[in-house]
Amino acid sequence: MKISAAEKQKSYYTKNAVNYDEMHLCESEHEYALAQLTGIMRYHGFQSLLDVGAGTGRVLRHAKRHLVGVKVMGVEPVASLREIGYANGLACAELCEGNAVDLKYEDNSWDVVCAFGILHHIDNPNAAILEMCRVARHGIFFSDLNNYGCGSLAQRVLAQVL
């Protein structure tokens, strides 16, 4: 029986959930992007944020601290990552099971929909982007980088050296 790429990803993150946050500490490009998102949300007065592929809820926790009064929700397919989010103070009503290509929300139901570091994990990222556009009222925001998987072997090695 062939296992789908999505199931392989889910299995990997289930096995590594306990170390997930430690494994992602040095993602400074996401911290900069998160600061940009926070500024955009404040500037425009946006009042709701959906984080797709929320992991353990880092973006949600940041938004709750820096965007007081904004409704936040995260969707994450891996139960063990959600459990860590709950242990870190997120409510079940803020972090739920979900799939980037089949969001269970009505059209235009979130001011902003964001995704941090998930698009390179999705077999059909265009489907996820279309789904995010469908539920976003004002815009979508991405931060995604895969240093190890972009380009040829020579390009990947050069990227790591630089």
C-alpha atoms as a PDB file:
ATOM      1  CA  MET A   1       0.000   0.000   0.000  1.00  0.00           C
ATOM      2  CA  LYS A   2       1.442   3.357  -1.056  1.00  0.00           C
ATOM      3  CA  ILE A   3       1.473   6.070   1.606  1.00  0.00           C
ATOM      4  CA  SER A   4       0.655   9.603   0.403  1.00  0.00           C
ATOM      5  CA  ALA A   5       3.079  12.470   0.878  1.00  0.00           C
ATOM      6  CA  ALA A   6       0.561  14.102   3.210  1.00  0.00           C
ATOM      7  CA  GLU A   7       0.416  10.991   5.403  1.00  0.00           C
ATOM      8  CA  LYS A   8       4.240  10.799   5.459  1.00  0.00           C
ATOM      9  CA  GLN A   9       4.368  14.433   6.618  1.00  0.00           C
ATOM     10  CA  LYS A  10       1.739  13.808   9.269  1.00  0.00           C
ATOM     11  CA  SER A  11       3.641  10.759  10.522  1.00  0.00           C
ATOM     12  CA  TYR A  12       6.931  12.677  10.634  1.00  0.00           C
ATOM     13  CA  TYR A  13       5.445  15.554  12.646  1.00  0.00           C
ATOM     14  CA  THR A  14       3.591  13.173  14.952  1.00  0.00           C
ATOM     15  CA  LYS A  15       6.886  11.429  15.774  1.00  0.00           C
ATOM     16  CA  ASN A  16       8.755  14.722  16.200  1.00  0.00           C
ATOM     17  CA  ALA A  17       6.064  16.803  17.918  1.00  0.00           C
ATOM     18  CA  VAL A  18       7.884  16.920  21.252  1.00  0.00           C
ATOM     19  CA  ASN A  19      10.919  18.520  19.569  1.00  0.00           C
ATOM     20  CA  TYR A  20       8.989  20.617  17.032  1.00  0.00           C
ATOM     21  CA  ASP A  21       9.480  24.009  18.674  1.00  0.00           C
ATOM     22  CA  GLU A  22      13.178  23.376  19.361  1.00  0.00           C
ATOM     23  CA  MET A  23      13.685  22.234  15.754  1.00  0.00           C
ATOM     24  CA  HIS A  24      12.219  25.515  14.482  1.00  0.00           C
ATOM     25  CA  LEU A  25      13.895  28.053  16.797  1.00  0.00           C
ATOM     26  CA  CYS A  26      16.345  29.427  14.253  1.00  0.00           C
ATOM     27  CA  GLU A  27      13.748  30.359  11.631  1.00  0.00           C
ATOM     28  CA  SER A  28      14.513  34.073  11.836  1.00  0.00           C
ATOM     29  CA  GLU A  29      12.868  34.737   8.467  1.00  0.00           C
ATOM     30  CA  HIS A  30       9.558  33.797  10.053  1.00  0.00           C
ATOM     31  CA  GLU A  31      10.121  36.158  12.992  1.00  0.00           C
ATOM     32  CA  TYR A  32      10.665  39.070  10.602  1.00  0.00           C
ATOM     33  CA  ALA A  33       7.607  38.057   8.573  1.00  0.00           C
ATOM     34  CA  LEU A  34       5.554  37.754  11.758  1.00  0.00           C
ATOM     35  CA  ALA A  35       6.535  41.307  12.727  1.00  0.00           C
ATOM     36  CA  GLN A  36       5.458  42.484   9.271  1.00  0.00           C
ATOM     37  CA  LEU A  37       2.128  40.680   9.565  1.00  0.00           C
ATOM     38  CA  THR A  38       1.541  42.235  12.994  1.00  0.00           C
ATOM     39  CA  GLY A  39       2.210  45.707  11.595  1.00  0.00           C
ATOM     40  CA  ILE A  40      -0.088  45.169   8.617  1.00  0.00           C
ATOM     41  CA  MET A  41      -2.878  43.888  10.866  1.00  0.00           C
ATOM     42  CA  ARG A  42      -2.562  46.914  13.179  1.00  0.00           C
ATOM     43  CA  TYR A  43      -2.263  49.469  10.391  1.00  0.00           C
ATOM     44  CA  HIS A  44      -5.404  48.280   8.637  1.00  0.00           C
ATOM     45  CA  GLY A  45      -7.336  47.489  11.807  1.00  0.00           C
ATOM     46  CA  PHE A  46      -7.955  43.881  10.810  1.00  0.00           C
ATOM     47  CA  GLN A  47      -9.821  41.964  13.502  1.00  0.00           C
ATOM     48  CA  SER A  48      -9.456  38.282  12.576  1.00  0.00           C
ATOM     49  CA  LEU A  49      -6.553  36.018  11.638  1.00  0.00           C
ATOM     50  CA  LEU A  50      -6.588  32.396  10.480  1.00  0.00           C
ATOM     51  CA  ASP A  51      -3.244  30.549  10.602  1.00  0.00           C
ATOM     52  CA  VAL A  52      -3.166  27.565   8.252  1.00  0.00           C
ATOM     53  CA  GLY A  53      -0.757  24.796   9.278  1.00  0.00           C
ATOM     54  CA  ALA A  54      -0.456  26.312  12.732  1.00  0.00           C
ATOM     55  CA  GLY A  55       1.804  23.626  14.219  1.00  0.00           C
ATOM     56  CA  THR A  56       2.064  24.237  17.960  1.00  0.00           C
ATOM     57  CA  GLY A  57       0.501  27.687  17.656  1.00  0.00           C
ATOM     58  CA  ARG A  58       3.535  29.996  17.646  1.00  0.00           C
ATOM     59  CA  VAL A  59       1.835  32.513  15.316  1.00  0.00           C
ATOM     60  CA  LEU A  60      -1.381  32.359  17.348  1.00  0.00           C
ATOM     61  CA  ARG A  61       0.418  32.988  20.635  1.00  0.00           C
ATOM     62  CA  HIS A  62       2.300  35.916  19.083  1.00  0.00           C
ATOM     63  CA  ALA A  63      -0.943  37.385  17.700  1.00  0.00           C
ATOM     64  CA  LYS A  64      -2.692  37.061  21.065  1.00  0.00           C
ATOM     65  CA  ARG A  65       0.179  38.961  22.753  1.00  0.00           C
ATOM     66  CA  HIS A  66       0.611  41.681  20.115  1.00  0.00           C
ATOM     67  CA  LEU A  67      -2.839  42.033  18.549  1.00  0.00           C
ATOM     68  CA  VAL A  68      -5.060  42.232  21.612  1.00  0.00           C
ATOM     69  CA  GLY A  69      -8.728  41.805  20.784  1.00  0.00           C
ATOM     70  CA  VAL A  70      -8.113  40.184  17.391  1.00  0.00           C
ATOM     71  CA  LYS A  71      -9.926  36.884  16.854  1.00  0.00           C
ATOM     72  CA  VAL A  72      -7.344  34.173  16.114  1.00  0.00           C
ATOM     73  CA  MET A  73      -7.757  30.618  14.894  1.00  0.00           C
ATOM     74  CA  GLY A  74      -5.297  28.020  13.716  1.00  0.00           C
ATOM     75  CA  VAL A  75      -5.860  24.849  11.756  1.00  0.00           C
ATOM     76  CA  GLU A  76      -3.396  21.987  12.068  1.00  0.00           C
ATOM     77  CA  PRO A  77      -3.767  18.393  10.830  1.00  0.00           C
ATOM     78  CA  VAL A  78      -1.362  16.825  13.374  1.00  0.00           C
ATOM     79  CA  ALA A  79      -3.052  16.098  16.709  1.00  0.00           C
ATOM     80  CA  SER A  80       0.199  15.861  18.691  1.00  0.00           C
ATOM     81  CA  LEU A  81       1.218  19.363  17.541  1.00  0.00           C
ATOM     82  CA  ARG A  82      -2.191  20.718  18.566  1.00  0.00           C
ATOM     83  CA  GLU A  83      -1.812  19.080  21.985  1.00  0.00           C
ATOM     84  CA  ILE A  84       1.443  20.990  22.537  1.00  0.00           C
ATOM     85  CA  GLY A  85      -0.364  24.177  21.535  1.00  0.00           C
ATOM     86  CA  TYR A  86      -3.043  23.471  24.140  1.00  0.00           C
ATOM     87  CA  ALA A  87      -0.373  22.785  26.768  1.00  0.00           C
ATOM     88  CA  ASN A  88       1.150  26.171  25.876  1.00  0.00           C
ATOM     89  CA  GLY A  89      -2.090  28.007  26.644  1.00  0.00           C
ATOM     90  CA  LEU A  90      -4.170  27.863  23.472  1.00  0.00           C
ATOM     91  CA  ALA A  91      -7.812  26.886  23.752  1.00  0.00           C
ATOM     92  CA  CYS A  92      -9.374  24.182  21.608  1.00  0.00           C
ATOM     93  CA  ALA A  93     -11.516  26.963  20.128  1.00  0.00           C
ATOM     94  CA  GLU A  94      -8.303  28.648  18.885  1.00  0.00           C
ATOM     95  CA  LEU A  95      -6.492  25.637  17.410  1.00  0.00           C
ATOM     96  CA  CYS A  96      -8.425  22.922  15.646  1.00  0.00           C
ATOM     97  CA  GLU A  97      -7.979  20.090  13.201  1.00  0.00           C
ATOM     98  CA  GLY A  98      -7.887  21.290   9.627  1.00  0.00           C
ATOM     99  CA  ASN A  99      -6.517  20.843   6.153  1.00  0.00           C
ATOM    100  CA  ALA A 100      -5.063  23.648   4.002  1.00  0.00           C
ATOM    101  CA  VAL A 101      -6.837  22.464   0.866  1.00  0.00           C
ATOM    102  CA  ASP A 102     -10.261  22.065   2.502  1.00  0.00           C
ATOM    103  CA  LEU A 103     -10.844  24.842   5.043  1.00  0.00           C
ATOM    104  CA  LYS A 104     -14.151  24.502   6.906  1.00  0.00           C
ATOM    105  CA  TYR A 105     -15.013  28.196   6.801  1.00  0.00           C
ATOM    106  CA  GLU A 106     -17.367  30.282   4.703  1.00  0.00           C
ATOM    107  CA  ASP A 107     -16.146  32.545   1.917  1.00  0.00           C
ATOM    108  CA  ASN A 108     -14.626  35.839   3.127  1.00  0.00           C
ATOM    109  CA  SER A 109     -14.905  34.792   6.775  1.00  0.00           C
ATOM    110  CA  TRP A 110     -11.398  35.891   7.964  1.00  0.00           C
ATOM    111  CA  ASP A 111      -9.791  39.309   7.518  1.00  0.00           C
ATOM    112  CA  VAL A 112      -6.360  37.755   6.944  1.00  0.00           C
ATOM    113  CA  VAL A 113      -5.292  34.164   6.363  1.00  0.00           C
ATOM    114  CA  CYS A 114      -1.622  33.319   6.877  1.00  0.00           C
ATOM    115  CA  ALA A 115       0.687  30.351   6.408  1.00  0.00           C
ATOM    116  CA  PHE A 116       4.188  30.088   7.855  1.00  0.00           C
ATOM    117  CA  GLY A 117       6.474  27.411   6.461  1.00  0.00           C
ATOM    118  CA  ILE A 118       3.874  25.017   5.083  1.00  0.00           C
ATOM    119  CA  LEU A 119       3.590  25.540   1.336  1.00  0.00           C
ATOM    120  CA  HIS A 120       6.714  23.522   0.541  1.00  0.00           C
ATOM    121  CA  HIS A 121       5.106  20.577   2.375  1.00  0.00           C
ATOM    122  CA  ILE A 122       1.911  20.517   0.317  1.00  0.00           C
ATOM    123  CA  ASP A 123       1.611  18.388  -2.829  1.00  0.00           C
ATOM    124  CA  ASN A 124      -0.546  21.011  -4.522  1.00  0.00           C
ATOM    125  CA  PRO A 125       0.258  24.406  -2.988  1.00  0.00           C
ATOM    126  CA  ASN A 126      -1.928  26.150  -5.578  1.00  0.00           C
ATOM    127  CA  ALA A 127      -4.986  24.376  -4.159  1.00  0.00           C
ATOM    128  CA  ALA A 128      -4.078  25.586  -0.665  1.00  0.00           C
ATOM    129  CA  ILE A 129      -3.555  29.148  -1.890  1.00  0.00           C
ATOM    130  CA  LEU A 130      -6.914  29.144  -3.683  1.00  0.00           C
ATOM    131  CA  GLU A 131      -8.622  27.839  -0.553  1.00  0.00           C
ATOM    132  CA  MET A 132      -6.947  30.504   1.584  1.00  0.00           C
ATOM    133  CA  CYS A 133      -8.051  33.187  -0.906  1.00  0.00           C
ATOM    134  CA  ARG A 134     -11.597  31.866  -0.705  1.00  0.00           C
ATOM    135  CA  VAL A 135     -11.877  32.335   3.073  1.00  0.00           C
ATOM    136  CA  ALA A 136      -9.848  35.586   3.256  1.00  0.00           C
ATOM    137  CA  ARG A 137     -11.780  38.844   3.300  1.00  0.00           C
ATOM    138  CA  HIS A 138      -8.811  41.200   2.813  1.00  0.00           C
ATOM    139  CA  GLY A 139      -5.674  39.198   2.096  1.00  0.00           C
ATOM    140  CA  ILE A 140      -3.378  36.259   2.560  1.00  0.00           C
ATOM    141  CA  PHE A 141       0.166  36.322   3.952  1.00  0.00           C
ATOM    142  CA  PHE A 142       2.929  33.751   3.451  1.00  0.00           C
ATOM    143  CA  SER A 143       6.344  33.143   4.893  1.00  0.00           C
ATOM    144  CA  ASP A 144       7.930  30.071   3.396  1.00  0.00           C
ATOM    145  CA  LEU A 145      11.504  29.021   2.842  1.00  0.00           C
ATOM    146  CA  ASN A 146      12.998  25.613   2.340  1.00  0.00           C
ATOM    147  CA  ASN A 147      16.782  26.055   2.247  1.00  0.00           C
ATOM    148  CA  TYR A 148      17.306  22.348   1.785  1.00  0.00           C
ATOM    149  CA  GLY A 149      14.830  21.691  -0.986  1.00  0.00           C
ATOM    150  CA  CYS A 150      15.135  24.674  -3.337  1.00  0.00           C
ATOM    151  CA  GLY A 151      17.078  24.318  -6.574  1.00  0.00           C
ATOM    152  CA  SER A 152      19.756  21.917  -7.733  1.00  0.00           C
ATOM    153  CA  LEU A 153      22.194  20.183  -5.384  1.00  0.00           C
ATOM    154  CA  ALA A 154      24.805  22.854  -6.143  1.00  0.00           C
ATOM    155  CA  GLN A 155      22.293  25.639  -5.402  1.00  0.00           C
ATOM    156  CA  ARG A 156      21.217  23.996  -2.128  1.00  0.00           C
ATOM    157  CA  VAL A 157      24.840  23.563  -0.996  1.00  0.00           C
ATOM    158  CA  LEU A 158      25.644  27.159  -1.928  1.00  0.00           C
ATOM    159  CA  ALA A 159      22.565  28.415  -0.043  1.00  0.00           C
ATOM    160  CA  GLN A 160      23.707  26.603   3.106  1.00  0.00           C
ATOM    161  CA  VAL A 161      27.278  27.869   2.772  1.00  0.00           C
ATOM    162  CA  LEU A 162      26.078  31.450   2.354  1.00  0.00           C
END
